[in-house]
Amino acid sequence: MENKSKDERSLVFSYLELRKVIGILGLALPFVLSLGALILFKTGIQSSISSYYHTGMRDVFVGILSAIGFFMFSYKGYERLDNIAGDLGCIFAVCVALFPTTPDGEVTSLARFIGYVHLTFATLFFLTLIYFSLFLFTKTDPNKTPSKRKMQRNKVYKACGYTMGICILLIAIYFFLPSGMTLFLIKCKPVYWLEALAILAFGISWFTKGEAILKDEF
């Protein structure tokens, strides 16, 4: 029994650490890309997070997304749905990295098509992350009374999930705005800031799930 108990504690610890790592990668992504591009390549803020693929930070962008995908594939939850969501998240994250967004300026029809593929996988990736935050992370064992910290964490998960959803909705609205309005807004880099906020929300959600904050008290 003692050995089994140690194994179970080790497994739980591993899952918590895995969630923390995913959260840290999400939290780091916007800062690493923007600051790295500025310091190393004198490159300013791009039109979107994905646009850093077309800068000197391309390998970093691809590397972090691939790492997030790998860790999500390694993630095993309590139910089959958790595992399926993790596997899908992995596929979508890797595809976002492999199919670059459409570069700014004049582009070929092939580049534009690849950009649409990128946008599709990016949307599916965020929808998967929203599903994790709103429906999987908030689950509670029906045979147990949720602790005060669990209830607090659920509020964080919901806030992060809704934040991601609102950001994605606003980005979609932006793309359908009349060209005159987008020309006015484009200088403010709205897609970049909305994507950065959504990614930070994703990172906070997973970081919290790893009980790096609001950990249960025993």
N, C-alpha and C. Protein backbone atom coordinates (compact mmCIF):
# COMPACT_ATOMS: atom_id res chain seq x y z
N MET A 1 0.83 -1.21 0.00
CA MET A 1 0.00 0.00 0.00
C MET A 1 0.86 1.25 0.00
N GLU A 2 1.97 1.21 0.75
CA GLU A 2 2.84 2.38 0.85
C GLU A 2 3.46 2.68 -0.51
N ASN A 3 3.92 1.63 -1.23
CA ASN A 3 4.51 1.83 -2.55
C ASN A 3 3.48 2.37 -3.52
N LYS A 4 2.28 1.84 -3.47
CA LYS A 4 1.22 2.30 -4.35
C LYS A 4 0.92 3.77 -4.09
N SER A 5 0.88 4.13 -2.80
CA SER A 5 0.60 5.51 -2.44
C SER A 5 1.67 6.44 -2.99
N LYS A 6 2.93 6.01 -2.92
CA LYS A 6 4.03 6.82 -3.45
C LYS A 6 3.92 6.96 -4.95
N ASP A 7 3.56 5.86 -5.64
CA ASP A 7 3.40 5.90 -7.09
C ASP A 7 2.29 6.87 -7.49
N GLU A 8 1.18 6.80 -6.76
CA GLU A 8 0.06 7.68 -7.07
C GLU A 8 0.45 9.14 -6.86
N ARG A 9 1.17 9.43 -5.77
CA ARG A 9 1.59 10.81 -5.51
C ARG A 9 2.54 11.28 -6.59
N SER A 10 3.42 10.37 -7.03
CA SER A 10 4.36 10.72 -8.10
C SER A 10 3.64 11.02 -9.40
N LEU A 11 2.58 10.24 -9.70
CA LEU A 11 1.81 10.44 -10.92
C LEU A 11 1.08 11.77 -10.88
N VAL A 12 0.46 12.07 -9.74
CA VAL A 12 -0.24 13.34 -9.59
C VAL A 12 0.74 14.50 -9.73
N PHE A 13 1.91 14.35 -9.12
CA PHE A 13 2.93 15.40 -9.21
C PHE A 13 3.34 15.62 -10.66
N SER A 14 3.50 14.52 -11.41
CA SER A 14 3.91 14.63 -12.81
C SER A 14 2.86 15.37 -13.62
N TYR A 15 1.58 15.07 -13.39
CA TYR A 15 0.51 15.75 -14.12
C TYR A 15 0.48 17.23 -13.78
N LEU A 16 0.68 17.56 -12.51
CA LEU A 16 0.69 18.97 -12.12
C LEU A 16 1.85 19.70 -12.77
N GLU A 17 3.01 19.06 -12.80
CA GLU A 17 4.17 19.69 -13.42
C GLU A 17 3.97 19.87 -14.92
N LEU A 18 3.34 18.89 -15.56
CA LEU A 18 3.08 18.98 -16.99
C LEU A 18 2.16 20.16 -17.29
N ARG A 19 1.14 20.33 -16.47
CA ARG A 19 0.23 21.45 -16.66
C ARG A 19 0.94 22.78 -16.45
N LYS A 20 1.83 22.82 -15.47
CA LYS A 20 2.59 24.05 -15.22
C LYS A 20 3.46 24.39 -16.42
N VAL A 21 4.11 23.38 -16.98
CA VAL A 21 4.99 23.61 -18.12
C VAL A 21 4.20 24.19 -19.30
N ILE A 22 3.02 23.61 -19.57
CA ILE A 22 2.18 24.12 -20.66
C ILE A 22 1.78 25.57 -20.37
N GLY A 23 1.43 25.84 -19.12
CA GLY A 23 1.07 27.19 -18.74
C GLY A 23 2.21 28.17 -18.89
N ILE A 24 3.40 27.77 -18.49
CA ILE A 24 4.58 28.63 -18.60
C ILE A 24 4.89 28.94 -20.06
N LEU A 25 4.80 27.93 -20.92
CA LEU A 25 5.06 28.15 -22.35
C LEU A 25 4.05 29.14 -22.93
N GLY A 26 2.78 29.01 -22.53
CA GLY A 26 1.77 29.94 -23.01
C GLY A 26 2.02 31.35 -22.52
N LEU A 27 2.37 31.48 -21.25
CA LEU A 27 2.65 32.81 -20.69
C LEU A 27 3.87 33.45 -21.33
N ALA A 28 4.85 32.62 -21.68
CA ALA A 28 6.12 33.15 -22.20
C ALA A 28 6.04 33.54 -23.67
N LEU A 29 5.17 32.86 -24.43
CA LEU A 29 5.18 33.01 -25.89
C LEU A 29 5.11 34.46 -26.39
N PRO A 30 4.12 35.27 -25.97
CA PRO A 30 4.07 36.64 -26.50
C PRO A 30 5.30 37.48 -26.14
N PHE A 31 5.80 37.30 -24.91
CA PHE A 31 6.94 38.10 -24.45
C PHE A 31 8.23 37.68 -25.14
N VAL A 32 8.43 36.37 -25.26
CA VAL A 32 9.65 35.88 -25.91
C VAL A 32 9.72 36.33 -27.36
N LEU A 33 8.59 36.23 -28.06
CA LEU A 33 8.58 36.61 -29.47
C LEU A 33 8.79 38.11 -29.67
N SER A 34 8.00 38.92 -28.96
CA SER A 34 8.07 40.37 -29.18
C SER A 34 9.38 40.96 -28.68
N LEU A 35 9.81 40.57 -27.48
CA LEU A 35 11.05 41.11 -26.94
C LEU A 35 12.27 40.57 -27.67
N GLY A 36 12.21 39.27 -28.03
CA GLY A 36 13.32 38.68 -28.77
C GLY A 36 13.51 39.34 -30.12
N ALA A 37 12.39 39.58 -30.82
CA ALA A 37 12.47 40.23 -32.13
C ALA A 37 12.99 41.65 -32.00
N LEU A 38 12.56 42.35 -30.95
CA LEU A 38 12.98 43.74 -30.76
C LEU A 38 14.46 43.83 -30.39
N ILE A 39 14.90 42.98 -29.47
CA ILE A 39 16.27 43.06 -28.97
C ILE A 39 17.28 42.47 -29.96
N LEU A 40 16.94 41.32 -30.53
CA LEU A 40 17.90 40.62 -31.39
C LEU A 40 17.88 41.10 -32.84
N PHE A 41 16.69 41.46 -33.32
CA PHE A 41 16.57 41.78 -34.74
C PHE A 41 16.04 43.19 -35.02
N LYS A 42 15.83 43.97 -33.94
CA LYS A 42 15.31 45.34 -34.10
C LYS A 42 14.00 45.36 -34.85
N THR A 43 13.19 44.32 -34.62
CA THR A 43 11.90 44.19 -35.30
C THR A 43 10.79 44.64 -34.35
N GLY A 44 9.92 45.52 -34.84
CA GLY A 44 8.84 46.02 -34.01
C GLY A 44 7.69 45.04 -33.87
N ILE A 45 6.64 45.50 -33.19
CA ILE A 45 5.46 44.67 -33.00
C ILE A 45 4.86 44.29 -34.36
N GLN A 46 4.57 43.02 -34.52
CA GLN A 46 4.01 42.52 -35.78
C GLN A 46 2.48 42.65 -35.78
N SER A 47 1.89 42.40 -36.93
CA SER A 47 0.44 42.52 -37.06
C SER A 47 -0.30 41.44 -36.27
N SER A 48 0.38 40.33 -35.98
CA SER A 48 -0.21 39.25 -35.18
C SER A 48 0.91 38.44 -34.56
N ILE A 49 0.57 37.62 -33.59
CA ILE A 49 1.57 36.73 -32.99
C ILE A 49 2.13 35.79 -34.05
N SER A 50 1.25 35.27 -34.90
CA SER A 50 1.67 34.33 -35.93
C SER A 50 2.61 34.96 -36.96
N SER A 51 2.55 36.29 -37.11
CA SER A 51 3.39 36.97 -38.08
C SER A 51 4.87 36.91 -37.70
N TYR A 52 5.16 36.55 -36.46
CA TYR A 52 6.56 36.42 -36.06
C TYR A 52 7.24 35.25 -36.77
N TYR A 53 6.43 34.40 -37.40
CA TYR A 53 7.00 33.33 -38.23
C TYR A 53 7.84 33.93 -39.35
N HIS A 54 7.47 35.09 -39.82
CA HIS A 54 8.16 35.73 -40.94
C HIS A 54 9.25 36.70 -40.49
N THR A 55 9.67 36.55 -39.22
CA THR A 55 10.76 37.36 -38.69
C THR A 55 11.91 36.43 -38.27
N GLY A 56 12.91 37.01 -37.68
CA GLY A 56 14.04 36.20 -37.18
C GLY A 56 13.66 35.28 -36.04
N MET A 57 12.45 35.44 -35.50
CA MET A 57 11.99 34.61 -34.38
C MET A 57 11.20 33.40 -34.85
N ARG A 58 11.27 33.09 -36.13
CA ARG A 58 10.49 31.98 -36.68
C ARG A 58 10.76 30.67 -35.95
N ASP A 59 12.02 30.32 -35.76
CA ASP A 59 12.34 29.04 -35.13
C ASP A 59 11.82 28.98 -33.69
N VAL A 60 11.86 30.12 -33.01
CA VAL A 60 11.35 30.18 -31.63
C VAL A 60 9.84 29.98 -31.63
N PHE A 61 9.16 30.63 -32.55
CA PHE A 61 7.70 30.50 -32.68
C PHE A 61 7.31 29.05 -32.93
N VAL A 62 7.96 28.44 -33.91
CA VAL A 62 7.67 27.04 -34.25
C VAL A 62 8.04 26.12 -33.08
N GLY A 63 9.17 26.40 -32.44
CA GLY A 63 9.64 25.55 -31.36
C GLY A 63 8.71 25.56 -30.16
N ILE A 64 8.25 26.74 -29.75
CA ILE A 64 7.38 26.83 -28.59
C ILE A 64 6.02 26.19 -28.87
N LEU A 65 5.46 26.46 -30.06
CA LEU A 65 4.18 25.84 -30.40
C LEU A 65 4.29 24.31 -30.48
N SER A 66 5.39 23.84 -31.04
CA SER A 66 5.59 22.38 -31.12
C SER A 66 5.74 21.78 -29.73
N ALA A 67 6.43 22.50 -28.84
CA ALA A 67 6.58 22.02 -27.46
C ALA A 67 5.23 21.97 -26.76
N ILE A 68 4.42 23.02 -26.94
CA ILE A 68 3.08 23.01 -26.36
C ILE A 68 2.29 21.82 -26.89
N GLY A 69 2.39 21.58 -28.20
CA GLY A 69 1.69 20.45 -28.79
C GLY A 69 2.16 19.12 -28.21
N PHE A 70 3.47 18.97 -28.06
CA PHE A 70 4.02 17.73 -27.51
C PHE A 70 3.53 17.49 -26.08
N PHE A 71 3.56 18.54 -25.26
CA PHE A 71 3.13 18.39 -23.88
C PHE A 71 1.63 18.12 -23.78
N MET A 72 0.85 18.71 -24.69
CA MET A 72 -0.58 18.43 -24.68
C MET A 72 -0.86 16.98 -25.09
N PHE A 73 -0.06 16.46 -26.01
CA PHE A 73 -0.20 15.06 -26.40
C PHE A 73 0.15 14.14 -25.23
N SER A 74 1.13 14.56 -24.42
CA SER A 74 1.55 13.76 -23.27
C SER A 74 0.55 13.85 -22.12
N TYR A 75 -0.31 14.86 -22.17
CA TYR A 75 -1.26 15.09 -21.08
C TYR A 75 -2.35 14.02 -21.09
N LYS A 76 -2.56 13.41 -19.96
CA LYS A 76 -3.61 12.40 -19.81
C LYS A 76 -4.50 12.83 -18.65
N GLY A 77 -5.78 13.04 -18.94
CA GLY A 77 -6.71 13.48 -17.91
C GLY A 77 -7.41 12.31 -17.24
N TYR A 78 -8.50 12.63 -16.57
CA TYR A 78 -9.22 11.60 -15.82
C TYR A 78 -10.20 10.83 -16.70
N GLU A 79 -10.59 11.43 -17.83
CA GLU A 79 -11.57 10.80 -18.70
C GLU A 79 -11.07 10.78 -20.14
N ARG A 80 -11.76 10.00 -20.95
CA ARG A 80 -11.38 9.87 -22.36
C ARG A 80 -11.44 11.21 -23.09
N LEU A 81 -12.43 12.04 -22.73
CA LEU A 81 -12.57 13.34 -23.38
C LEU A 81 -11.33 14.22 -23.15
N ASP A 82 -10.75 14.11 -21.96
CA ASP A 82 -9.53 14.86 -21.66
C ASP A 82 -8.41 14.46 -22.62
N ASN A 83 -8.28 13.16 -22.82
CA ASN A 83 -7.21 12.66 -23.70
C ASN A 83 -7.44 13.06 -25.15
N ILE A 84 -8.70 12.97 -25.59
CA ILE A 84 -9.02 13.36 -26.97
C ILE A 84 -8.74 14.84 -27.18
N ALA A 85 -9.16 15.66 -26.23
CA ALA A 85 -8.92 17.10 -26.34
C ALA A 85 -7.42 17.41 -26.36
N GLY A 86 -6.65 16.68 -25.54
CA GLY A 86 -5.20 16.89 -25.54
C GLY A 86 -4.56 16.50 -26.86
N ASP A 87 -5.01 15.38 -27.42
CA ASP A 87 -4.47 14.93 -28.72
C ASP A 87 -4.83 15.92 -29.83
N LEU A 88 -6.07 16.40 -29.83
CA LEU A 88 -6.48 17.38 -30.83
C LEU A 88 -5.72 18.69 -30.67
N GLY A 89 -5.54 19.10 -29.42
CA GLY A 89 -4.77 20.30 -29.16
C GLY A 89 -3.36 20.20 -29.70
N CYS A 90 -2.77 19.03 -29.56
CA CYS A 90 -1.43 18.78 -30.10
C CYS A 90 -1.42 18.94 -31.61
N ILE A 91 -2.36 18.29 -32.29
CA ILE A 91 -2.44 18.35 -33.76
C ILE A 91 -2.62 19.79 -34.23
N PHE A 92 -3.53 20.50 -33.58
CA PHE A 92 -3.82 21.88 -34.01
C PHE A 92 -2.62 22.79 -33.77
N ALA A 93 -1.95 22.63 -32.62
CA ALA A 93 -0.80 23.48 -32.30
C ALA A 93 0.33 23.26 -33.30
N VAL A 94 0.61 22.00 -33.61
CA VAL A 94 1.68 21.69 -34.55
C VAL A 94 1.34 22.21 -35.95
N CYS A 95 0.08 22.07 -36.34
CA CYS A 95 -0.33 22.56 -37.66
C CYS A 95 -0.26 24.08 -37.74
N VAL A 96 -0.56 24.77 -36.65
CA VAL A 96 -0.42 26.23 -36.61
C VAL A 96 1.03 26.61 -36.87
N ALA A 97 1.95 25.82 -36.32
CA ALA A 97 3.38 26.09 -36.50
C ALA A 97 3.85 25.75 -37.91
N LEU A 98 3.31 24.67 -38.49
CA LEU A 98 3.78 24.19 -39.79
C LEU A 98 3.20 24.96 -40.97
N PHE A 99 1.97 25.49 -40.80
CA PHE A 99 1.33 26.25 -41.88
C PHE A 99 1.35 27.73 -41.49
N PRO A 100 2.30 28.50 -42.01
CA PRO A 100 2.45 29.89 -41.58
C PRO A 100 1.30 30.79 -42.01
N THR A 101 1.10 31.84 -41.23
CA THR A 101 0.08 32.82 -41.58
C THR A 101 0.48 33.58 -42.85
N THR A 102 -0.47 34.19 -43.50
CA THR A 102 -0.19 34.95 -44.71
C THR A 102 0.69 36.15 -44.37
N PRO A 103 1.82 36.32 -45.03
CA PRO A 103 2.68 37.47 -44.74
C PRO A 103 2.03 38.77 -45.18
N ASP A 104 2.47 39.88 -44.59
CA ASP A 104 1.95 41.18 -44.98
C ASP A 104 2.44 41.54 -46.39
N GLY A 105 1.66 42.38 -47.07
CA GLY A 105 2.06 42.82 -48.41
C GLY A 105 1.50 41.91 -49.50
N GLU A 106 2.06 42.04 -50.69
CA GLU A 106 1.64 41.24 -51.83
C GLU A 106 2.06 39.78 -51.64
N VAL A 107 1.13 38.86 -51.85
CA VAL A 107 1.43 37.44 -51.65
C VAL A 107 0.89 36.64 -52.82
N THR A 108 1.40 35.43 -52.97
CA THR A 108 0.92 34.52 -54.01
C THR A 108 -0.38 33.86 -53.56
N SER A 109 -1.07 33.26 -54.49
CA SER A 109 -2.31 32.55 -54.16
C SER A 109 -2.04 31.37 -53.24
N LEU A 110 -0.88 30.73 -53.42
CA LEU A 110 -0.52 29.60 -52.55
C LEU A 110 -0.30 30.07 -51.12
N ALA A 111 0.42 31.18 -50.96
CA ALA A 111 0.67 31.72 -49.62
C ALA A 111 -0.64 32.12 -48.95
N ARG A 112 -1.57 32.66 -49.73
CA ARG A 112 -2.86 33.05 -49.18
C ARG A 112 -3.66 31.81 -48.76
N PHE A 113 -3.59 30.75 -49.55
CA PHE A 113 -4.29 29.51 -49.19
C PHE A 113 -3.71 28.91 -47.91
N ILE A 114 -2.38 28.88 -47.82
CA ILE A 114 -1.74 28.37 -46.60
C ILE A 114 -2.13 29.21 -45.39
N GLY A 115 -2.27 30.51 -45.62
CA GLY A 115 -2.70 31.40 -44.54
C GLY A 115 -4.09 31.05 -44.04
N TYR A 116 -4.99 30.68 -44.96
CA TYR A 116 -6.33 30.27 -44.56
C TYR A 116 -6.28 28.96 -43.76
N VAL A 117 -5.41 28.06 -44.18
CA VAL A 117 -5.23 26.80 -43.43
C VAL A 117 -4.73 27.11 -42.02
N HIS A 118 -3.76 28.01 -41.93
CA HIS A 118 -3.23 28.43 -40.64
C HIS A 118 -4.34 28.99 -39.75
N LEU A 119 -5.14 29.87 -40.32
CA LEU A 119 -6.22 30.50 -39.57
C LEU A 119 -7.22 29.47 -39.07
N THR A 120 -7.51 28.46 -39.89
CA THR A 120 -8.44 27.40 -39.49
C THR A 120 -7.90 26.62 -38.30
N PHE A 121 -6.63 26.22 -38.37
CA PHE A 121 -6.05 25.45 -37.27
C PHE A 121 -5.88 26.31 -36.02
N ALA A 122 -5.57 27.58 -36.18
CA ALA A 122 -5.44 28.47 -35.04
C ALA A 122 -6.78 28.60 -34.31
N THR A 123 -7.85 28.73 -35.08
CA THR A 123 -9.18 28.82 -34.49
C THR A 123 -9.54 27.54 -33.76
N LEU A 124 -9.26 26.40 -34.37
CA LEU A 124 -9.55 25.10 -33.73
C LEU A 124 -8.71 24.92 -32.47
N PHE A 125 -7.48 25.40 -32.51
CA PHE A 125 -6.60 25.29 -31.33
C PHE A 125 -7.18 26.09 -30.17
N PHE A 126 -7.60 27.33 -30.44
CA PHE A 126 -8.15 28.15 -29.37
C PHE A 126 -9.48 27.60 -28.88
N LEU A 127 -10.29 27.05 -29.77
CA LEU A 127 -11.55 26.45 -29.34
C LEU A 127 -11.29 25.26 -28.41
N THR A 128 -10.24 24.51 -28.70
CA THR A 128 -9.86 23.39 -27.82
C THR A 128 -9.42 23.90 -26.46
N LEU A 129 -8.63 24.98 -26.46
CA LEU A 129 -8.18 25.57 -25.19
C LEU A 129 -9.36 26.11 -24.38
N ILE A 130 -10.32 26.71 -25.08
CA ILE A 130 -11.52 27.21 -24.41
C ILE A 130 -12.30 26.05 -23.80
N TYR A 131 -12.39 24.95 -24.54
CA TYR A 131 -13.08 23.76 -24.04
C TYR A 131 -12.41 23.23 -22.77
N PHE A 132 -11.08 23.21 -22.77
CA PHE A 132 -10.34 22.79 -21.57
C PHE A 132 -10.72 23.67 -20.39
N SER A 133 -10.66 24.97 -20.58
CA SER A 133 -10.87 25.91 -19.47
C SER A 133 -12.30 25.88 -18.93
N LEU A 134 -13.27 25.86 -19.83
CA LEU A 134 -14.67 25.99 -19.40
C LEU A 134 -15.32 24.67 -19.01
N PHE A 135 -14.90 23.57 -19.61
CA PHE A 135 -15.62 22.31 -19.41
C PHE A 135 -14.81 21.20 -18.74
N LEU A 136 -13.51 21.14 -18.99
CA LEU A 136 -12.72 20.07 -18.40
C LEU A 136 -12.09 20.48 -17.07
N PHE A 137 -11.47 21.64 -17.04
CA PHE A 137 -10.80 22.08 -15.81
C PHE A 137 -11.78 22.34 -14.67
N THR A 138 -13.01 22.70 -15.00
CA THR A 138 -13.98 23.04 -13.96
C THR A 138 -14.71 21.82 -13.39
N LYS A 139 -14.43 20.65 -13.94
CA LYS A 139 -15.09 19.45 -13.44
C LYS A 139 -14.71 19.18 -11.99
N THR A 140 -15.66 18.64 -11.26
CA THR A 140 -15.44 18.29 -9.85
C THR A 140 -15.94 16.87 -9.61
N ASP A 141 -15.21 16.11 -8.81
CA ASP A 141 -15.61 14.76 -8.46
C ASP A 141 -16.99 14.82 -7.80
N PRO A 142 -18.00 14.16 -8.40
CA PRO A 142 -19.36 14.23 -7.84
C PRO A 142 -19.46 13.60 -6.46
N ASN A 143 -18.49 12.78 -6.09
CA ASN A 143 -18.52 12.11 -4.78
C ASN A 143 -17.82 12.93 -3.70
N LYS A 144 -17.28 14.10 -4.10
CA LYS A 144 -16.57 14.92 -3.13
C LYS A 144 -17.12 16.34 -3.16
N THR A 145 -17.04 16.98 -2.01
CA THR A 145 -17.42 18.40 -1.93
C THR A 145 -16.23 19.24 -2.38
N PRO A 146 -16.41 20.10 -3.39
CA PRO A 146 -15.28 20.90 -3.87
C PRO A 146 -14.74 21.82 -2.78
N SER A 147 -13.43 21.90 -2.69
CA SER A 147 -12.79 22.74 -1.69
C SER A 147 -12.94 24.21 -2.06
N LYS A 148 -12.65 25.07 -1.12
CA LYS A 148 -12.72 26.51 -1.36
C LYS A 148 -11.75 26.91 -2.47
N ARG A 149 -10.55 26.33 -2.45
CA ARG A 149 -9.56 26.65 -3.48
C ARG A 149 -10.00 26.15 -4.85
N LYS A 150 -10.66 24.99 -4.88
CA LYS A 150 -11.16 24.46 -6.15
C LYS A 150 -12.19 25.42 -6.75
N MET A 151 -13.07 25.94 -5.92
CA MET A 151 -14.07 26.89 -6.40
C MET A 151 -13.41 28.16 -6.91
N GLN A 152 -12.33 28.58 -6.23
CA GLN A 152 -11.60 29.77 -6.68
C GLN A 152 -10.91 29.50 -8.02
N ARG A 153 -10.33 28.31 -8.14
CA ARG A 153 -9.67 27.96 -9.41
C ARG A 153 -10.68 27.91 -10.55
N ASN A 154 -11.88 27.41 -10.26
CA ASN A 154 -12.91 27.35 -11.29
C ASN A 154 -13.24 28.74 -11.82
N LYS A 155 -13.23 29.74 -10.95
CA LYS A 155 -13.48 31.11 -11.38
C LYS A 155 -12.39 31.59 -12.32
N VAL A 156 -11.14 31.19 -12.02
CA VAL A 156 -10.02 31.56 -12.88
C VAL A 156 -10.17 30.89 -14.24
N TYR A 157 -10.50 29.59 -14.24
CA TYR A 157 -10.68 28.85 -15.50
C TYR A 157 -11.76 29.51 -16.36
N LYS A 158 -12.88 29.85 -15.74
CA LYS A 158 -13.98 30.44 -16.50
C LYS A 158 -13.59 31.81 -17.04
N ALA A 159 -12.91 32.60 -16.21
CA ALA A 159 -12.48 33.93 -16.66
C ALA A 159 -11.54 33.80 -17.85
N CYS A 160 -10.62 32.84 -17.79
CA CYS A 160 -9.67 32.62 -18.88
C CYS A 160 -10.38 32.12 -20.14
N GLY A 161 -11.32 31.19 -19.96
CA GLY A 161 -12.05 30.66 -21.10
C GLY A 161 -12.87 31.73 -21.80
N TYR A 162 -13.57 32.54 -21.02
CA TYR A 162 -14.38 33.62 -21.61
C TYR A 162 -13.49 34.68 -22.26
N THR A 163 -12.34 34.95 -21.65
CA THR A 163 -11.42 35.92 -22.23
C THR A 163 -10.94 35.45 -23.60
N MET A 164 -10.55 34.18 -23.69
CA MET A 164 -10.13 33.63 -24.98
C MET A 164 -11.26 33.72 -26.00
N GLY A 165 -12.46 33.36 -25.57
CA GLY A 165 -13.60 33.39 -26.49
C GLY A 165 -13.89 34.79 -27.00
N ILE A 166 -13.86 35.77 -26.12
CA ILE A 166 -14.12 37.16 -26.51
C ILE A 166 -13.03 37.66 -27.46
N CYS A 167 -11.78 37.31 -27.18
CA CYS A 167 -10.68 37.73 -28.05
C CYS A 167 -10.84 37.17 -29.46
N ILE A 168 -11.17 35.88 -29.56
CA ILE A 168 -11.33 35.25 -30.87
C ILE A 168 -12.52 35.87 -31.61
N LEU A 169 -13.59 36.17 -30.88
CA LEU A 169 -14.77 36.80 -31.49
C LEU A 169 -14.42 38.19 -32.02
N LEU A 170 -13.67 38.96 -31.24
CA LEU A 170 -13.29 40.31 -31.66
C LEU A 170 -12.37 40.27 -32.88
N ILE A 171 -11.48 39.29 -32.92
CA ILE A 171 -10.61 39.15 -34.09
C ILE A 171 -11.44 38.83 -35.33
N ALA A 172 -12.42 37.94 -35.18
CA ALA A 172 -13.29 37.60 -36.31
C ALA A 172 -14.06 38.83 -36.79
N ILE A 173 -14.57 39.62 -35.84
CA ILE A 173 -15.30 40.85 -36.20
C ILE A 173 -14.38 41.81 -36.94
N TYR A 174 -13.14 41.91 -36.46
CA TYR A 174 -12.17 42.82 -37.08
C TYR A 174 -11.96 42.48 -38.56
N PHE A 175 -11.86 41.20 -38.85
CA PHE A 175 -11.62 40.78 -40.24
C PHE A 175 -12.80 41.06 -41.16
N PHE A 176 -13.99 41.25 -40.57
CA PHE A 176 -15.18 41.52 -41.39
C PHE A 176 -15.55 43.00 -41.41
N LEU A 177 -14.73 43.82 -40.78
CA LEU A 177 -15.00 45.26 -40.78
C LEU A 177 -14.73 45.85 -42.17
N PRO A 178 -15.40 46.94 -42.51
CA PRO A 178 -15.12 47.62 -43.78
C PRO A 178 -13.65 48.06 -43.84
N SER A 179 -13.09 48.07 -45.03
CA SER A 179 -11.67 48.37 -45.20
C SER A 179 -11.29 49.72 -44.63
N GLY A 180 -12.20 50.69 -44.69
CA GLY A 180 -11.91 52.01 -44.14
C GLY A 180 -11.64 51.98 -42.65
N MET A 181 -12.39 51.16 -41.93
CA MET A 181 -12.22 51.04 -40.48
C MET A 181 -10.95 50.27 -40.14
N THR A 182 -10.65 49.23 -40.90
CA THR A 182 -9.44 48.45 -40.62
C THR A 182 -8.18 49.26 -40.89
N LEU A 183 -8.24 50.15 -41.88
CA LEU A 183 -7.08 51.01 -42.15
C LEU A 183 -6.79 51.92 -40.98
N PHE A 184 -7.86 52.34 -40.30
CA PHE A 184 -7.70 53.19 -39.12
C PHE A 184 -7.14 52.40 -37.93
N LEU A 185 -7.62 51.16 -37.78
CA LEU A 185 -7.24 50.34 -36.62
C LEU A 185 -5.92 49.62 -36.78
N ILE A 186 -5.50 49.39 -38.03
CA ILE A 186 -4.34 48.54 -38.28
C ILE A 186 -3.07 49.04 -37.61
N LYS A 187 -2.97 50.37 -37.43
CA LYS A 187 -1.79 50.93 -36.79
C LYS A 187 -1.69 50.53 -35.32
N CYS A 188 -2.82 50.19 -34.73
CA CYS A 188 -2.85 49.79 -33.32
C CYS A 188 -2.54 48.31 -33.11
N LYS A 189 -2.38 47.56 -34.19
CA LYS A 189 -2.10 46.11 -34.13
C LYS A 189 -3.13 45.36 -33.29
N PRO A 190 -4.43 45.52 -33.58
CA PRO A 190 -5.45 44.89 -32.73
C PRO A 190 -5.36 43.37 -32.67
N VAL A 191 -5.03 42.73 -33.80
CA VAL A 191 -4.97 41.27 -33.81
C VAL A 191 -3.84 40.78 -32.90
N TYR A 192 -2.71 41.46 -32.96
CA TYR A 192 -1.58 41.08 -32.10
C TYR A 192 -1.98 41.13 -30.63
N TRP A 193 -2.57 42.24 -30.21
CA TRP A 193 -2.90 42.41 -28.79
C TRP A 193 -3.99 41.45 -28.35
N LEU A 194 -4.97 41.20 -29.21
CA LEU A 194 -6.03 40.26 -28.85
C LEU A 194 -5.49 38.84 -28.78
N GLU A 195 -4.62 38.47 -29.73
CA GLU A 195 -4.00 37.13 -29.68
C GLU A 195 -3.12 36.99 -28.45
N ALA A 196 -2.35 38.03 -28.14
CA ALA A 196 -1.47 37.98 -26.98
C ALA A 196 -2.29 37.80 -25.71
N LEU A 197 -3.41 38.54 -25.59
CA LEU A 197 -4.27 38.41 -24.41
C LEU A 197 -4.87 37.01 -24.32
N ALA A 198 -5.30 36.46 -25.46
CA ALA A 198 -5.88 35.11 -25.46
C ALA A 198 -4.83 34.07 -25.06
N ILE A 199 -3.61 34.23 -25.54
CA ILE A 199 -2.54 33.28 -25.20
C ILE A 199 -2.17 33.38 -23.73
N LEU A 200 -2.15 34.60 -23.19
CA LEU A 200 -1.88 34.78 -21.77
C LEU A 200 -2.98 34.13 -20.92
N ALA A 201 -4.23 34.26 -21.37
CA ALA A 201 -5.34 33.62 -20.65
C ALA A 201 -5.18 32.10 -20.67
N PHE A 202 -4.77 31.57 -21.82
CA PHE A 202 -4.49 30.13 -21.93
C PHE A 202 -3.40 29.72 -20.94
N GLY A 203 -2.33 30.50 -20.88
CA GLY A 203 -1.23 30.17 -19.98
C GLY A 203 -1.64 30.22 -18.52
N ILE A 204 -2.42 31.24 -18.15
CA ILE A 204 -2.87 31.36 -16.76
C ILE A 204 -3.77 30.19 -16.39
N SER A 205 -4.63 29.79 -17.30
CA SER A 205 -5.54 28.67 -17.04
C SER A 205 -4.77 27.39 -16.74
N TRP A 206 -3.80 27.07 -17.58
CA TRP A 206 -3.02 25.84 -17.37
C TRP A 206 -2.09 25.96 -16.17
N PHE A 207 -1.55 27.14 -15.95
CA PHE A 207 -0.68 27.37 -14.80
C PHE A 207 -1.46 27.16 -13.51
N THR A 208 -2.70 27.62 -13.50
CA THR A 208 -3.57 27.43 -12.35
C THR A 208 -3.94 25.96 -12.18
N LYS A 209 -4.20 25.28 -13.31
CA LYS A 209 -4.54 23.86 -13.25
C LYS A 209 -3.40 23.04 -12.67
N GLY A 210 -2.18 23.50 -12.88
CA GLY A 210 -1.03 22.83 -12.28
C GLY A 210 -0.85 23.18 -10.81
N GLU A 211 -1.81 23.94 -10.28
CA GLU A 211 -1.81 24.36 -8.87
C GLU A 211 -0.57 25.14 -8.49
N ALA A 212 -0.03 25.89 -9.47
CA ALA A 212 1.06 26.80 -9.15
C ALA A 212 0.53 27.95 -8.31
N ILE A 213 -0.76 28.25 -8.49
CA ILE A 213 -1.44 29.23 -7.65
C ILE A 213 -2.76 28.61 -7.18
N LEU A 214 -3.28 29.10 -6.07
CA LEU A 214 -4.54 28.61 -5.50
C LEU A 214 -4.51 27.11 -5.24
N LYS A 215 -3.37 26.65 -4.76
CA LYS A 215 -3.20 25.22 -4.46
C LYS A 215 -4.03 24.84 -3.25
N ASP A 216 -4.58 23.62 -3.28
CA ASP A 216 -5.37 23.15 -2.14
C ASP A 216 -4.52 23.11 -0.88
N GLU A 217 -5.12 23.47 0.21
CA GLU A 217 -4.44 23.42 1.50
C GLU A 217 -4.80 22.13 2.21
N PHE A 218 -3.77 21.47 2.71
CA PHE A 218 -4.02 20.20 3.41
C PHE A 218 -3.66 20.33 4.88
